[in-house]
Amino acid sequence: MDVLYFWFGLSILAAVICLVSMQFLLARMGQFALDVPNHRSLHEKPVPRTGGWAIWFGVFSALLVSPLSLNVGVAVAFASLLAVSVTDDLRSLSARVRFAVQLIAVSSLVLSLWPGLAWWLVPVLVVSGVWVVNLYNFMDGMDGFSASMTIIGFGSLAIICAYREYWDLAGICTVVAAATLVFLYYNWPVARIFMGDAGSTTVGLAAFAVSIYGWSRGAFHPIIPLIVFSPFWLDATFTLLRRIFAGERWWEAHRQHVYQRMALKYGVKKALVGELSVMAGTASAATILVICDIV
């Protein structure tokens, strides 16, 4: 129980630091790095896209005082991706630059978290990781959506890891979920702040990191995170394929994702409630599969 209380305390720390950071960003930097709405946006007024900074300040602060040893490869992966994403939030970078850094970050992550990995699986996981980073960014286009998926996704993985007694992995997931819960309060429709690329891409990397680490250590079957995060990757993947086969400029911003079409038809709040129901359903299904020892 001591380890449970310890990680609970770190989660509270992450949440408090995120809260203080969020208040500072809104009070002192409310006009900084604004996301100005355009014809593809679902919001109507400029909104700062610095929320991801507060999330990760809270998460990293908590993990720094945890007993976890520093993995240089993982640190390089998150630092490089965070740096290029923050820069992109401030001044738009080319897709080539972002993609190159993503490749480096994911490659570093995979090789660090899973040493001795079969050579043929490395490119498969690297491509998958880069896709997860980007799809999380693609799906971060509606108030409360990415934050809700993060809380439910990491929360359910925390429960699964705790059930299997992988306490450190459960603790990391809980810390991420706790900090994001604070952000969600400010990101709930109508949002006062957005994650920005610094938030969405690194949360995507974190989801991928937890998934392959848990898989490599036997905490859960690889199908479990696929089920948990299926509302995101199914929407993003099928939308991308549909645009490619239609001959559209698939790399450009658009409003053709399922969640976007729902928001345009029913409004953001109703669309979010509907998506929340799906997220809760997939996360519950994955948890039941583990508890019932089916997977």
C-alpha atoms as a PDB file:
ATOM      1  CA  MET A   1       0.000   0.000   0.000  1.00  0.00           C
ATOM      2  CA  ASP A   2       2.949   2.334   0.614  1.00  0.00           C
ATOM      3  CA  VAL A   3       3.783   2.488  -3.098  1.00  0.00           C
ATOM      4  CA  LEU A   4       0.127   3.230  -3.861  1.00  0.00           C
ATOM      5  CA  TYR A   5       0.068   6.177  -1.460  1.00  0.00           C
ATOM      6  CA  PHE A   6       3.395   7.394  -2.804  1.00  0.00           C
ATOM      7  CA  TRP A   7       2.205   7.570  -6.410  1.00  0.00           C
ATOM      8  CA  PHE A   8      -1.081   9.090  -5.282  1.00  0.00           C
ATOM      9  CA  GLY A   9       0.929  11.845  -3.608  1.00  0.00           C
ATOM     10  CA  LEU A  10       2.956  12.423  -6.773  1.00  0.00           C
ATOM     11  CA  SER A  11      -0.263  12.636  -8.772  1.00  0.00           C
ATOM     12  CA  ILE A  12      -1.546  15.340  -6.419  1.00  0.00           C
ATOM     13  CA  LEU A  13       1.772  17.152  -6.840  1.00  0.00           C
ATOM     14  CA  ALA A  14       1.497  16.998 -10.648  1.00  0.00           C
ATOM     15  CA  ALA A  15      -2.070  18.311 -10.476  1.00  0.00           C
ATOM     16  CA  VAL A  16      -1.154  21.207  -8.158  1.00  0.00           C
ATOM     17  CA  ILE A  17       1.832  22.268 -10.273  1.00  0.00           C
ATOM     18  CA  CYS A  18      -0.300  22.043 -13.404  1.00  0.00           C
ATOM     19  CA  LEU A  19      -2.972  24.177 -11.722  1.00  0.00           C
ATOM     20  CA  VAL A  20      -0.504  26.881 -10.705  1.00  0.00           C
ATOM     21  CA  SER A  21       1.060  26.838 -14.168  1.00  0.00           C
ATOM     22  CA  MET A  22      -2.338  27.058 -15.839  1.00  0.00           C
ATOM     23  CA  GLN A  23      -3.318  30.050 -13.724  1.00  0.00           C
ATOM     24  CA  PHE A  24      -0.049  31.778 -14.600  1.00  0.00           C
ATOM     25  CA  LEU A  25      -0.443  31.087 -18.328  1.00  0.00           C
ATOM     26  CA  LEU A  26      -3.978  32.443 -18.408  1.00  0.00           C
ATOM     27  CA  ALA A  27      -3.288  35.459 -16.183  1.00  0.00           C
ATOM     28  CA  ARG A  28       0.095  36.548 -17.549  1.00  0.00           C
ATOM     29  CA  MET A  29       0.322  34.932 -20.998  1.00  0.00           C
ATOM     30  CA  GLY A  30      -3.301  34.869 -22.127  1.00  0.00           C
ATOM     31  CA  GLN A  31      -2.468  36.615 -25.403  1.00  0.00           C
ATOM     32  CA  PHE A  32       0.588  34.487 -26.117  1.00  0.00           C
ATOM     33  CA  ALA A  33       0.723  31.792 -28.850  1.00  0.00           C
ATOM     34  CA  LEU A  34      -2.905  32.337 -29.833  1.00  0.00           C
ATOM     35  CA  ASP A  35      -4.777  29.863 -32.016  1.00  0.00           C
ATOM     36  CA  VAL A  36      -6.683  32.188 -34.336  1.00  0.00           C
ATOM     37  CA  PRO A  37      -9.834  30.527 -35.766  1.00  0.00           C
ATOM     38  CA  ASN A  38     -10.157  29.934 -39.495  1.00  0.00           C
ATOM     39  CA  HIS A  39     -12.686  28.223 -41.770  1.00  0.00           C
ATOM     40  CA  ARG A  40     -11.536  24.789 -40.530  1.00  0.00           C
ATOM     41  CA  SER A  41     -11.776  25.619 -36.814  1.00  0.00           C
ATOM     42  CA  LEU A  42     -14.496  24.654 -34.348  1.00  0.00           C
ATOM     43  CA  HIS A  43     -13.812  27.619 -32.058  1.00  0.00           C
ATOM     44  CA  GLU A  44     -14.860  31.217 -32.713  1.00  0.00           C
ATOM     45  CA  LYS A  45     -12.391  33.343 -30.720  1.00  0.00           C
ATOM     46  CA  PRO A  46      -8.562  33.277 -30.434  1.00  0.00           C
ATOM     47  CA  VAL A  47      -7.457  30.833 -27.722  1.00  0.00           C
ATOM     48  CA  PRO A  48      -3.927  30.397 -26.296  1.00  0.00           C
ATOM     49  CA  ARG A  49      -2.421  27.007 -27.172  1.00  0.00           C
ATOM     50  CA  THR A  50      -0.066  26.747 -24.209  1.00  0.00           C
ATOM     51  CA  GLY A  51      -1.993  24.277 -22.045  1.00  0.00           C
ATOM     52  CA  GLY A  52       0.371  21.449 -22.911  1.00  0.00           C
ATOM     53  CA  TRP A  53       3.181  23.382 -21.256  1.00  0.00           C
ATOM     54  CA  ALA A  54       1.327  23.286 -17.926  1.00  0.00           C
ATOM     55  CA  ILE A  55       0.477  19.583 -18.265  1.00  0.00           C
ATOM     56  CA  TRP A  56       4.065  18.558 -18.852  1.00  0.00           C
ATOM     57  CA  PHE A  57       5.488  20.931 -16.268  1.00  0.00           C
ATOM     58  CA  GLY A  58       3.292  19.151 -13.733  1.00  0.00           C
ATOM     59  CA  VAL A  59       4.106  15.654 -15.008  1.00  0.00           C
ATOM     60  CA  PHE A  60       7.863  16.158 -15.296  1.00  0.00           C
ATOM     61  CA  SER A  61       8.065  17.848 -11.887  1.00  0.00           C
ATOM     62  CA  ALA A  62       6.369  14.867 -10.256  1.00  0.00           C
ATOM     63  CA  LEU A  63       8.499  12.308 -12.086  1.00  0.00           C
ATOM     64  CA  LEU A  64      11.716  14.141 -11.174  1.00  0.00           C
ATOM     65  CA  VAL A  65      11.081  13.496  -7.463  1.00  0.00           C
ATOM     66  CA  SER A  66       9.999   9.903  -8.071  1.00  0.00           C
ATOM     67  CA  PRO A  67      12.399   6.971  -7.551  1.00  0.00           C
ATOM     68  CA  LEU A  68      12.441   6.246 -11.289  1.00  0.00           C
ATOM     69  CA  SER A  69      15.916   6.279 -12.821  1.00  0.00           C
ATOM     70  CA  LEU A  70      16.528   8.597 -15.758  1.00  0.00           C
ATOM     71  CA  ASN A  71      16.463   6.846 -19.116  1.00  0.00           C
ATOM     72  CA  VAL A  72      18.566   9.050 -21.388  1.00  0.00           C
ATOM     73  CA  GLY A  73      16.956   7.774 -24.596  1.00  0.00           C
ATOM     74  CA  VAL A  74      13.451   8.463 -23.281  1.00  0.00           C
ATOM     75  CA  ALA A  75      14.507  11.901 -22.027  1.00  0.00           C
ATOM     76  CA  VAL A  76      15.975  12.757 -25.434  1.00  0.00           C
ATOM     77  CA  ALA A  77      12.808  11.572 -27.164  1.00  0.00           C
ATOM     78  CA  PHE A  78      10.462  13.741 -25.104  1.00  0.00           C
ATOM     79  CA  ALA A  79      12.802  16.746 -24.964  1.00  0.00           C
ATOM     80  CA  SER A  80      13.331  16.827 -28.730  1.00  0.00           C
ATOM     81  CA  LEU A  81       9.645  16.393 -29.534  1.00  0.00           C
ATOM     82  CA  LEU A  82       8.614  18.952 -26.944  1.00  0.00           C
ATOM     83  CA  ALA A  83      11.152  21.468 -28.267  1.00  0.00           C
ATOM     84  CA  VAL A  84      10.030  21.235 -31.888  1.00  0.00           C
ATOM     85  CA  SER A  85       6.352  21.256 -30.865  1.00  0.00           C
ATOM     86  CA  VAL A  86       6.733  24.354 -28.693  1.00  0.00           C
ATOM     87  CA  THR A  87       8.536  26.054 -31.571  1.00  0.00           C
ATOM     88  CA  ASP A  88       5.728  25.060 -33.936  1.00  0.00           C
ATOM     89  CA  ASP A  89       3.165  26.548 -31.539  1.00  0.00           C
ATOM     90  CA  LEU A  90       5.062  29.839 -31.625  1.00  0.00           C
ATOM     91  CA  ARG A  91       5.997  29.935 -35.300  1.00  0.00           C
ATOM     92  CA  SER A  92       4.891  27.371 -37.848  1.00  0.00           C
ATOM     93  CA  LEU A  93       7.564  24.869 -38.856  1.00  0.00           C
ATOM     94  CA  SER A  94       7.658  22.853 -42.060  1.00  0.00           C
ATOM     95  CA  ALA A  95       6.225  19.344 -42.066  1.00  0.00           C
ATOM     96  CA  ARG A  96       9.660  17.981 -43.005  1.00  0.00           C
ATOM     97  CA  VAL A  97      11.299  19.392 -39.900  1.00  0.00           C
ATOM     98  CA  ARG A  98       8.536  18.133 -37.616  1.00  0.00           C
ATOM     99  CA  PHE A  99       8.550  14.689 -39.231  1.00  0.00           C
ATOM    100  CA  ALA A 100      12.347  14.370 -38.983  1.00  0.00           C
ATOM    101  CA  VAL A 101      12.311  15.171 -35.264  1.00  0.00           C
ATOM    102  CA  GLN A 102       9.410  12.782 -34.724  1.00  0.00           C
ATOM    103  CA  LEU A 103      11.369   9.972 -36.377  1.00  0.00           C
ATOM    104  CA  ILE A 104      14.378  10.665 -34.158  1.00  0.00           C
ATOM    105  CA  ALA A 105      12.246  10.902 -31.013  1.00  0.00           C
ATOM    106  CA  VAL A 106      10.283   7.716 -31.624  1.00  0.00           C
ATOM    107  CA  SER A 107      13.376   5.759 -32.688  1.00  0.00           C
ATOM    108  CA  SER A 108      15.175   6.838 -29.514  1.00  0.00           C
ATOM    109  CA  LEU A 109      12.146   5.875 -27.449  1.00  0.00           C
ATOM    110  CA  VAL A 110      11.712   2.430 -28.990  1.00  0.00           C
ATOM    111  CA  LEU A 111      15.386   1.452 -28.743  1.00  0.00           C
ATOM    112  CA  SER A 112      15.600   2.723 -25.144  1.00  0.00           C
ATOM    113  CA  LEU A 113      12.431   1.118 -23.796  1.00  0.00           C
ATOM    114  CA  TRP A 114      12.861  -2.215 -25.542  1.00  0.00           C
ATOM    115  CA  PRO A 115      16.552  -3.183 -25.810  1.00  0.00           C
ATOM    116  CA  GLY A 116      17.169  -6.375 -27.717  1.00  0.00           C
ATOM    117  CA  LEU A 117      14.055  -5.897 -29.811  1.00  0.00           C
ATOM    118  CA  ALA A 118      13.916  -8.047 -32.981  1.00  0.00           C
ATOM    119  CA  TRP A 119      15.316  -5.999 -35.878  1.00  0.00           C
ATOM    120  CA  TRP A 120      12.230  -6.430 -38.062  1.00  0.00           C
ATOM    121  CA  LEU A 121       9.961  -5.048 -35.329  1.00  0.00           C
ATOM    122  CA  VAL A 122      11.935  -1.804 -34.955  1.00  0.00           C
ATOM    123  CA  PRO A 123      10.707  -0.104 -38.181  1.00  0.00           C
ATOM    124  CA  VAL A 124       7.166  -1.338 -37.518  1.00  0.00           C
ATOM    125  CA  LEU A 125       7.112   0.255 -34.080  1.00  0.00           C
ATOM    126  CA  VAL A 126       8.840   3.447 -35.248  1.00  0.00           C
ATOM    127  CA  VAL A 127       6.268   3.986 -38.009  1.00  0.00           C
ATOM    128  CA  SER A 128       3.468   3.167 -35.547  1.00  0.00           C
ATOM    129  CA  GLY A 129       4.874   5.595 -32.992  1.00  0.00           C
ATOM    130  CA  VAL A 130       5.155   8.445 -35.486  1.00  0.00           C
ATOM    131  CA  TRP A 131       1.551   7.791 -36.514  1.00  0.00           C
ATOM    132  CA  VAL A 132       0.349   7.852 -32.887  1.00  0.00           C
ATOM    133  CA  VAL A 133       2.136  11.185 -32.327  1.00  0.00           C
ATOM    134  CA  ASN A 134       0.454  12.682 -35.384  1.00  0.00           C
ATOM    135  CA  LEU A 135      -2.987  11.183 -34.902  1.00  0.00           C
ATOM    136  CA  TYR A 136      -3.161  12.596 -31.381  1.00  0.00           C
ATOM    137  CA  ASN A 137      -2.377  15.963 -32.928  1.00  0.00           C
ATOM    138  CA  PHE A 138      -5.040  15.465 -35.626  1.00  0.00           C
ATOM    139  CA  MET A 139      -7.662  14.558 -33.025  1.00  0.00           C
ATOM    140  CA  ASP A 140      -6.921  17.596 -30.865  1.00  0.00           C
ATOM    141  CA  GLY A 141      -9.450  19.785 -32.632  1.00  0.00           C
ATOM    142  CA  MET A 142     -12.447  19.966 -30.315  1.00  0.00           C
ATOM    143  CA  ASP A 143     -12.773  21.412 -26.819  1.00  0.00           C
ATOM    144  CA  GLY A 144     -12.264  18.786 -24.139  1.00  0.00           C
ATOM    145  CA  PHE A 145     -11.718  15.936 -26.575  1.00  0.00           C
ATOM    146  CA  SER A 146      -8.002  15.109 -26.356  1.00  0.00           C
ATOM    147  CA  ALA A 147      -7.923  15.774 -22.624  1.00  0.00           C
ATOM    148  CA  SER A 148     -10.860  13.417 -22.044  1.00  0.00           C
ATOM    149  CA  MET A 149      -9.221  10.648 -24.085  1.00  0.00           C
ATOM    150  CA  THR A 150      -5.987  11.156 -22.150  1.00  0.00           C
ATOM    151  CA  ILE A 151      -7.674  10.946 -18.751  1.00  0.00           C
ATOM    152  CA  ILE A 152      -9.797   7.924 -19.634  1.00  0.00           C
ATOM    153  CA  GLY A 153      -7.012   6.185 -21.578  1.00  0.00           C
ATOM    154  CA  PHE A 154      -4.212   6.634 -19.058  1.00  0.00           C
ATOM    155  CA  GLY A 155      -6.644   6.147 -16.173  1.00  0.00           C
ATOM    156  CA  SER A 156      -7.766   2.752 -17.448  1.00  0.00           C
ATOM    157  CA  LEU A 157      -4.165   1.672 -18.129  1.00  0.00           C
ATOM    158  CA  ALA A 158      -3.299   2.741 -14.572  1.00  0.00           C
ATOM    159  CA  ILE A 159      -6.054   0.492 -13.213  1.00  0.00           C
ATOM    160  CA  ILE A 160      -4.916  -2.409 -15.400  1.00  0.00           C
ATOM    161  CA  CYS A 161      -1.261  -2.010 -14.393  1.00  0.00           C
ATOM    162  CA  ALA A 162      -2.182  -1.714 -10.718  1.00  0.00           C
ATOM    163  CA  TYR A 163      -4.301  -4.872 -10.996  1.00  0.00           C
ATOM    164  CA  ARG A 164      -1.295  -6.672 -12.489  1.00  0.00           C
ATOM    165  CA  GLU A 165       0.935  -5.058  -9.795  1.00  0.00           C
ATOM    166  CA  TYR A 166       3.111  -3.035 -12.152  1.00  0.00           C
ATOM    167  CA  TRP A 167       3.078  -0.148  -9.732  1.00  0.00           C
ATOM    168  CA  ASP A 168       5.568   2.221 -11.351  1.00  0.00           C
ATOM    169  CA  LEU A 169       3.819   2.049 -14.720  1.00  0.00           C
ATOM    170  CA  ALA A 170       0.464   2.517 -13.001  1.00  0.00           C
ATOM    171  CA  GLY A 171       1.901   5.511 -11.166  1.00  0.00           C
ATOM    172  CA  ILE A 172       3.187   7.166 -14.341  1.00  0.00           C
ATOM    173  CA  CYS A 173      -0.223   6.760 -15.977  1.00  0.00           C
ATOM    174  CA  THR A 174      -1.936   8.231 -12.915  1.00  0.00           C
ATOM    175  CA  VAL A 175       0.394  11.250 -12.876  1.00  0.00           C
ATOM    176  CA  VAL A 176      -0.365  12.008 -16.547  1.00  0.00           C
ATOM    177  CA  ALA A 177      -4.116  11.574 -15.981  1.00  0.00           C
ATOM    178  CA  ALA A 178      -4.080  13.807 -12.867  1.00  0.00           C
ATOM    179  CA  ALA A 179      -2.292  16.708 -14.576  1.00  0.00           C
ATOM    180  CA  THR A 180      -4.551  16.424 -17.623  1.00  0.00           C
ATOM    181  CA  LEU A 181      -7.647  16.447 -15.396  1.00  0.00           C
ATOM    182  CA  VAL A 182      -6.677  19.921 -14.212  1.00  0.00           C
ATOM    183  CA  PHE A 183      -6.173  21.037 -17.803  1.00  0.00           C
ATOM    184  CA  LEU A 184      -9.590  19.645 -18.769  1.00  0.00           C
ATOM    185  CA  TYR A 185     -11.268  22.053 -16.336  1.00  0.00           C
ATOM    186  CA  TYR A 186      -9.955  24.953 -18.455  1.00  0.00           C
ATOM    187  CA  ASN A 187     -10.366  23.129 -21.755  1.00  0.00           C
ATOM    188  CA  TRP A 188     -14.000  22.092 -21.260  1.00  0.00           C
ATOM    189  CA  PRO A 189     -16.357  23.775 -23.747  1.00  0.00           C
ATOM    190  CA  VAL A 190     -16.074  26.689 -24.199  1.00  0.00           C
ATOM    191  CA  ALA A 191     -12.295  26.239 -23.834  1.00  0.00           C
ATOM    192  CA  ARG A 192     -10.143  28.978 -22.325  1.00  0.00           C
ATOM    193  CA  ILE A 193      -6.905  27.248 -23.361  1.00  0.00           C
ATOM    194  CA  PHE A 194      -5.788  24.543 -25.803  1.00  0.00           C
ATOM    195  CA  MET A 195      -3.147  21.813 -25.527  1.00  0.00           C
ATOM    196  CA  GLY A 196      -1.293  23.013 -28.588  1.00  0.00           C
ATOM    197  CA  ASP A 197       1.187  20.831 -30.438  1.00  0.00           C
ATOM    198  CA  ALA A 198       3.407  20.756 -27.357  1.00  0.00           C
ATOM    199  CA  GLY A 199       0.630  18.987 -25.516  1.00  0.00           C
ATOM    200  CA  SER A 200      -0.984  16.788 -28.142  1.00  0.00           C
ATOM    201  CA  THR A 201       2.158  15.361 -29.757  1.00  0.00           C
ATOM    202  CA  THR A 202       3.897  14.590 -26.469  1.00  0.00           C
ATOM    203  CA  VAL A 203       0.763  13.023 -24.982  1.00  0.00           C
ATOM    204  CA  GLY A 204       0.636  10.882 -28.108  1.00  0.00           C
ATOM    205  CA  LEU A 205       4.272   9.910 -27.536  1.00  0.00           C
ATOM    206  CA  ALA A 206       3.494   9.131 -23.896  1.00  0.00           C
ATOM    207  CA  ALA A 207       0.564   6.908 -24.893  1.00  0.00           C
ATOM    208  CA  PHE A 208       2.835   5.038 -27.299  1.00  0.00           C
ATOM    209  CA  ALA A 209       5.645   4.799 -24.717  1.00  0.00           C
ATOM    210  CA  VAL A 210       3.370   3.367 -22.026  1.00  0.00           C
ATOM    211  CA  SER A 211       1.870   0.943 -24.534  1.00  0.00           C
ATOM    212  CA  ILE A 212       5.138  -0.579 -25.775  1.00  0.00           C
ATOM    213  CA  TYR A 213       6.755  -0.541 -22.328  1.00  0.00           C
ATOM    214  CA  GLY A 214       3.781  -2.294 -20.760  1.00  0.00           C
ATOM    215  CA  TRP A 215       3.733  -4.794 -23.612  1.00  0.00           C
ATOM    216  CA  SER A 216       7.487  -5.495 -23.433  1.00  0.00           C
ATOM    217  CA  ARG A 217       7.320  -6.028 -19.662  1.00  0.00           C
ATOM    218  CA  GLY A 218       4.239  -8.260 -19.801  1.00  0.00           C
ATOM    219  CA  ALA A 219       1.931  -5.819 -18.004  1.00  0.00           C
ATOM    220  CA  PHE A 220      -0.716  -6.257 -20.699  1.00  0.00           C
ATOM    221  CA  HIS A 221      -1.305  -7.691 -24.164  1.00  0.00           C
ATOM    222  CA  PRO A 222      -0.622  -5.224 -27.041  1.00  0.00           C
ATOM    223  CA  ILE A 223      -4.309  -5.339 -27.972  1.00  0.00           C
ATOM    224  CA  ILE A 224      -5.238  -3.639 -24.678  1.00  0.00           C
ATOM    225  CA  PRO A 225      -3.961  -0.109 -25.479  1.00  0.00           C
ATOM    226  CA  LEU A 226      -5.331  -0.533 -29.007  1.00  0.00           C
ATOM    227  CA  ILE A 227      -8.787  -1.103 -27.527  1.00  0.00           C
ATOM    228  CA  VAL A 228      -8.426   1.686 -24.968  1.00  0.00           C
ATOM    229  CA  PHE A 229      -7.388   4.340 -27.506  1.00  0.00           C
ATOM    230  CA  SER A 230      -9.492   2.994 -30.397  1.00  0.00           C
ATOM    231  CA  PRO A 231     -11.802   6.078 -30.507  1.00  0.00           C
ATOM    232  CA  PHE A 232      -8.753   8.090 -31.570  1.00  0.00           C
ATOM    233  CA  TRP A 233      -6.772   5.855 -33.866  1.00  0.00           C
ATOM    234  CA  LEU A 234      -9.793   4.423 -35.713  1.00  0.00           C
ATOM    235  CA  ASP A 235     -11.203   7.876 -36.494  1.00  0.00           C
ATOM    236  CA  ALA A 236      -7.804   9.272 -37.534  1.00  0.00           C
ATOM    237  CA  THR A 237      -6.757   6.239 -39.581  1.00  0.00           C
ATOM    238  CA  PHE A 238      -9.982   5.754 -41.525  1.00  0.00           C
ATOM    239  CA  THR A 239     -10.297   9.486 -42.185  1.00  0.00           C
ATOM    240  CA  LEU A 240      -6.757   9.581 -43.549  1.00  0.00           C
ATOM    241  CA  LEU A 241      -7.315   6.539 -45.778  1.00  0.00           C
ATOM    242  CA  ARG A 242     -10.589   7.966 -47.065  1.00  0.00           C
ATOM    243  CA  ARG A 243      -8.896  11.251 -47.996  1.00  0.00           C
ATOM    244  CA  ILE A 244      -5.997   9.448 -49.694  1.00  0.00           C
ATOM    245  CA  PHE A 245      -8.274   7.250 -51.802  1.00  0.00           C
ATOM    246  CA  ALA A 246     -10.375  10.305 -52.684  1.00  0.00           C
ATOM    247  CA  GLY A 247      -7.258  11.994 -54.065  1.00  0.00           C
ATOM    248  CA  GLU A 248      -7.467  14.857 -51.583  1.00  0.00           C
ATOM    249  CA  ARG A 249      -4.531  16.765 -50.113  1.00  0.00           C
ATOM    250  CA  TRP A 250      -4.553  14.538 -47.041  1.00  0.00           C
ATOM    251  CA  TRP A 251      -1.683  16.376 -45.294  1.00  0.00           C
ATOM    252  CA  GLU A 252      -3.661  19.606 -45.016  1.00  0.00           C
ATOM    253  CA  ALA A 253      -5.944  20.581 -42.134  1.00  0.00           C
ATOM    254  CA  HIS A 254      -9.609  19.707 -42.608  1.00  0.00           C
ATOM    255  CA  ARG A 255     -12.908  19.068 -40.811  1.00  0.00           C
ATOM    256  CA  GLN A 256     -13.679  15.536 -41.993  1.00  0.00           C
ATOM    257  CA  HIS A 257     -12.939  13.513 -38.866  1.00  0.00           C
ATOM    258  CA  VAL A 258     -15.959  11.825 -37.320  1.00  0.00           C
ATOM    259  CA  TYR A 259     -15.733  14.003 -34.209  1.00  0.00           C
ATOM    260  CA  GLN A 260     -15.587  17.147 -36.348  1.00  0.00           C
ATOM    261  CA  ARG A 261     -18.637  16.158 -38.372  1.00  0.00           C
ATOM    262  CA  MET A 262     -20.497  15.388 -35.146  1.00  0.00           C
ATOM    263  CA  ALA A 263     -19.533  18.770 -33.691  1.00  0.00           C
ATOM    264  CA  LEU A 264     -20.688  20.605 -36.817  1.00  0.00           C
ATOM    265  CA  LYS A 265     -24.002  18.741 -36.840  1.00  0.00           C
ATOM    266  CA  TYR A 266     -24.877  18.542 -33.140  1.00  0.00           C
ATOM    267  CA  GLY A 267     -22.631  21.112 -31.481  1.00  0.00           C
ATOM    268  CA  VAL A 268     -19.373  20.642 -29.586  1.00  0.00           C
ATOM    269  CA  LYS A 269     -20.873  19.738 -26.191  1.00  0.00           C
ATOM    270  CA  LYS A 270     -23.199  17.062 -27.560  1.00  0.00           C
ATOM    271  CA  ALA A 271     -20.430  15.655 -29.746  1.00  0.00           C
ATOM    272  CA  LEU A 272     -18.092  15.539 -26.761  1.00  0.00           C
ATOM    273  CA  VAL A 273     -20.649  13.709 -24.610  1.00  0.00           C
ATOM    274  CA  GLY A 274     -21.143  11.164 -27.384  1.00  0.00           C
ATOM    275  CA  GLU A 275     -17.399  10.634 -27.763  1.00  0.00           C
ATOM    276  CA  LEU A 276     -17.010  10.358 -23.986  1.00  0.00           C
ATOM    277  CA  SER A 277     -19.515   7.498 -23.981  1.00  0.00           C
ATOM    278  CA  VAL A 278     -17.492   5.680 -26.626  1.00  0.00           C
ATOM    279  CA  MET A 279     -14.223   6.282 -24.756  1.00  0.00           C
ATOM    280  CA  ALA A 280     -15.682   4.994 -21.497  1.00  0.00           C
ATOM    281  CA  GLY A 281     -17.009   1.930 -23.308  1.00  0.00           C
ATOM    282  CA  THR A 282     -13.703   0.970 -24.942  1.00  0.00           C
ATOM    283  CA  ALA A 283     -11.711   1.602 -21.752  1.00  0.00           C
ATOM    284  CA  SER A 284     -14.168  -0.481 -19.715  1.00  0.00           C
ATOM    285  CA  ALA A 285     -14.044  -3.293 -22.268  1.00  0.00           C
ATOM    286  CA  ALA A 286     -10.244  -3.421 -22.103  1.00  0.00           C
ATOM    287  CA  THR A 287     -10.273  -3.397 -18.297  1.00  0.00           C
ATOM    288  CA  ILE A 288     -12.833  -6.204 -18.144  1.00  0.00           C
ATOM    289  CA  LEU A 289     -10.787  -8.307 -20.572  1.00  0.00           C
ATOM    290  CA  VAL A 290      -7.794  -8.045 -18.236  1.00  0.00           C
ATOM    291  CA  ILE A 291      -9.662  -8.573 -14.954  1.00  0.00           C
ATOM    292  CA  CYS A 292     -11.501 -11.587 -16.360  1.00  0.00           C
ATOM    293  CA  ASP A 293      -8.131 -12.891 -17.598  1.00  0.00           C
ATOM    294  CA  ILE A 294      -9.400 -13.145 -21.183  1.00  0.00           C
ATOM    295  CA  VAL A 295      -6.405 -11.248 -22.583  1.00  0.00           C
END
